[in-house]
Protein backbone atom coordinates (compact mmCIF):
# COMPACT_ATOMS: atom_id res chain seq x y z
CA MET A 1 25.14 3.09 15.86
CA ARG A 2 22.64 5.78 16.84
CA SER A 3 22.61 7.29 13.32
CA PHE A 4 22.00 3.83 11.83
CA ARG A 5 18.99 3.37 14.14
CA ILE A 6 17.61 6.80 13.16
CA MET A 7 18.05 5.98 9.47
CA LEU A 8 16.36 2.59 9.93
CA VAL A 9 13.38 4.14 11.73
CA SER A 10 13.12 6.83 9.01
CA VAL A 11 13.13 4.27 6.20
CA ALA A 12 10.54 2.15 8.03
CA GLY A 13 8.36 5.22 8.58
CA LEU A 14 8.55 6.27 4.93
CA THR A 15 7.76 2.73 3.81
CA PHE A 16 4.74 2.60 6.12
CA LEU A 17 3.58 6.00 4.83
CA ALA A 18 3.94 4.88 1.18
CA VAL A 19 2.00 1.65 1.80
CA THR A 20 -0.73 3.53 3.69
CA LEU A 21 -1.03 6.07 0.87
CA PHE A 22 -1.19 3.26 -1.69
CA VAL A 23 -4.02 1.49 0.18
CA ALA A 24 -5.91 4.75 0.76
CA LEU A 25 -5.75 5.72 -2.91
CA LYS A 26 -6.86 2.26 -4.04
CA TRP A 27 -9.89 2.44 -1.72
CA PHE A 28 -10.94 6.06 -2.03
CA VAL A 29 -10.19 7.14 -5.59
CA GLN A 30 -13.30 6.92 -7.74
CA LEU A 31 -12.01 4.72 -10.56
CA GLU A 32 -15.29 4.85 -12.47
CA TYR A 33 -14.93 8.64 -12.49
CA LEU A 34 -11.44 8.22 -13.97
CA ARG A 35 -12.87 6.03 -16.75
CA HIS A 36 -15.24 8.78 -17.87
CA GLU A 37 -12.54 11.46 -17.57
CA VAL A 38 -10.07 9.41 -19.65
CA GLU A 39 -12.71 8.67 -22.29
CA ALA A 40 -13.81 12.32 -22.51
CA ALA A 41 -10.28 13.77 -22.57
CA GLY A 42 -9.04 11.19 -25.08
CA SER A 43 -12.06 11.65 -27.35
CA GLN A 44 -11.74 15.42 -27.33
CA ALA A 45 -7.96 15.42 -27.83
CA LEU A 46 -7.91 12.84 -30.63
CA GLY A 47 -11.12 13.84 -32.41
CA MET A 48 -12.25 10.20 -32.18
CA ARG A 49 -14.27 8.08 -29.77
CA VAL A 50 -12.19 6.59 -26.94
CA ALA A 51 -13.73 3.85 -24.80
CA VAL A 52 -12.36 1.81 -21.92
CA GLY A 53 -14.28 -1.47 -21.78
CA GLY A 54 -12.41 -3.14 -18.93
CA ARG A 55 -10.83 -2.35 -15.61
CA VAL A 56 -9.38 1.05 -14.73
CA GLY A 57 -6.63 1.02 -12.13
CA ILE A 58 -3.93 3.10 -10.56
CA GLY A 59 -0.38 1.80 -10.51
CA PHE A 60 2.43 2.90 -8.27
CA PHE A 61 6.17 2.69 -8.80
CA PRO A 62 5.92 4.38 -11.29
CA LEU A 63 2.70 6.31 -10.82
CA SER A 64 0.45 5.23 -13.68
CA LEU A 65 -3.07 4.86 -14.94
CA GLU A 66 -3.81 1.32 -16.13
CA LEU A 67 -6.62 0.66 -18.60
CA GLU A 68 -7.93 -2.63 -19.96
CA ASP A 69 -9.72 -3.06 -23.29
CA LEU A 70 -9.01 0.39 -24.72
CA VAL A 71 -10.70 1.10 -28.08
CA VAL A 72 -10.26 4.18 -30.28
CA SER A 73 -12.86 4.49 -33.05
CA ASN A 74 -13.71 6.89 -35.84
CA ASN A 75 -16.90 7.07 -37.91
CA THR A 76 -15.97 3.88 -39.82
CA GLY A 77 -15.29 1.77 -36.72
CA PRO A 78 -12.39 0.84 -34.43
CA ILE A 79 -8.94 1.91 -35.62
CA LEU A 80 -6.97 0.96 -32.50
CA SER A 81 -7.62 -1.51 -29.74
CA ALA A 82 -5.36 -2.59 -26.91
CA LYS A 83 -5.93 -5.23 -24.26
CA GLN A 84 -3.89 -3.15 -21.83
CA ALA A 85 -2.74 0.47 -21.80
CA THR A 86 -0.46 1.98 -19.18
CA LEU A 87 0.09 5.73 -18.92
CA ALA A 88 3.09 6.45 -16.67
CA VAL A 89 2.52 9.89 -15.15
CA ALA A 90 5.19 12.15 -13.65
CA PRO A 91 3.94 13.11 -10.15
CA ILE A 92 5.50 16.59 -9.72
CA PRO A 93 3.65 18.30 -12.63
CA LEU A 94 0.35 17.08 -11.14
CA LEU A 95 0.91 19.57 -8.32
CA ARG A 96 0.78 22.34 -10.97
CA ALA A 97 -2.37 20.79 -12.56
CA GLU A 98 -0.35 19.62 -15.57
CA ILE A 99 -0.18 16.14 -17.00
CA SER A 100 3.23 14.89 -17.97
CA VAL A 101 2.99 11.36 -19.31
CA ASP A 102 6.45 9.88 -19.39
CA ARG A 103 5.36 6.84 -21.34
CA VAL A 104 2.32 5.27 -22.94
CA ALA A 105 2.64 1.51 -23.23
CA LEU A 106 0.08 -0.50 -25.23
CA GLN A 107 -0.02 -4.30 -25.18
CA ASP A 108 -1.82 -6.70 -27.51
CA VAL A 109 -2.54 -3.91 -29.97
CA SER A 110 -4.55 -4.05 -33.17
CA MET A 111 -4.45 -1.02 -35.50
CA LEU A 112 -6.29 -0.33 -38.73
CA VAL A 113 -5.13 2.40 -41.12
CA GLN A 114 -7.44 3.20 -44.03
CA GLN A 115 -6.86 5.35 -47.08
CA ASP A 116 -9.83 6.73 -49.02
CA ARG A 117 -10.14 7.09 -52.80
CA ALA A 118 -8.58 10.57 -52.69
CA GLY A 119 -5.49 9.19 -50.95
CA SER A 120 -6.27 10.74 -47.56
CA PHE A 121 -5.99 8.71 -44.41
CA VAL A 122 -9.32 8.09 -42.68
CA LEU A 123 -8.62 8.86 -39.03
CA GLN A 124 -10.55 11.59 -37.28
CA ASP A 125 -14.28 12.17 -37.03
CA ARG A 126 -13.70 15.82 -36.26
CA LYS A 127 -10.88 18.24 -35.60
CA PRO A 128 -9.13 17.41 -32.31
CA SER A 129 -9.31 19.89 -29.45
CA HIS A 130 -6.44 20.12 -26.98
CA ARG A 131 -8.28 22.26 -24.40
CA VAL A 132 -9.06 19.31 -22.13
CA VAL A 133 -5.44 18.19 -21.91
CA GLU A 134 -3.63 21.52 -21.87
CA GLY A 135 -0.12 21.02 -20.57
CA PHE A 136 -0.08 17.38 -21.68
CA GLU A 137 3.37 16.06 -22.59
CA LEU A 138 4.34 12.68 -24.02
CA SER A 139 7.93 11.43 -23.94
CA ALA A 140 7.74 7.80 -25.06
CA LEU A 141 5.35 5.41 -26.78
CA SER A 142 5.56 1.64 -26.74
CA PHE A 143 3.62 -1.08 -28.59
CA ARG A 144 3.95 -4.76 -27.64
CA ASN A 145 2.49 -7.68 -29.57
CA ALA A 146 0.99 -5.35 -32.15
CA SER A 147 -0.65 -5.99 -35.48
CA LEU A 148 -1.24 -3.38 -38.17
CA SER A 149 -3.65 -3.61 -41.07
CA PHE A 150 -3.52 -1.12 -43.95
CA GLU A 151 -6.40 -0.82 -46.41
CA ALA A 152 -6.43 1.44 -49.47
CA GLN A 153 -9.62 1.93 -51.49
CA GLU A 154 -8.00 3.09 -54.73
CA PRO A 155 -6.24 0.99 -55.91
CA ARG A 156 -7.67 -1.78 -53.76
CA GLU A 157 -4.74 -2.92 -51.58
CA THR A 158 -4.42 -4.54 -48.18
CA PHE A 159 -1.44 -5.58 -46.16
CA ARG A 160 -0.96 -6.76 -42.58
CA VAL A 161 1.95 -6.79 -40.15
CA ARG A 162 1.70 -9.04 -37.10
CA ASP A 163 3.57 -9.77 -33.88
CA CYS A 164 5.65 -6.62 -33.83
CA SER A 165 6.93 -4.31 -31.09
CA LEU A 166 7.82 -0.66 -31.32
CA ASP A 167 9.44 1.74 -28.87
CA VAL A 168 9.59 5.45 -29.68
CA PHE A 169 11.53 7.74 -27.34
CA ASP A 170 12.21 11.48 -27.11
CA LEU A 171 8.91 12.40 -28.71
CA GLY A 172 8.78 15.87 -27.24
CA ALA A 173 5.06 15.90 -28.06
CA SER A 174 3.15 18.50 -26.04
CA THR A 175 0.20 20.83 -26.30
């Protein structure tokens, strides 16, 4: 009976600590600072402009960064937009100043892929730089309620795919 009471008090204490940490982080973390950091790191890593037009939040269970109205653009305009983006982050690598994103989940996604006259895909404005996100790892990518538009200039072709979902696992993508 005594060990049960000790276990119960321990669980209650850990729960209280987790809730207190959650509230403290929600109140004291500069979310506007995170917006600029995400935009700068994403822009530099992808070689395109990344903008977060909506709310930036922190999620717990799992630890994640939640973004609303994410837009990725190149010199011709937006090529990807998502109403909501969630980046699930592994907490232990953060202690070593590394980012390990277990999963990127995008919802209500619109993507545009363009092909120029030479047959090259029009994606990046400039060569991407991975210095900002050194140690970054990505394990899984998920798209929900996505639409894809493909436009080729030569020969002039267009096709669209709507209302699709895609889950990609075991990416092993890292810098």
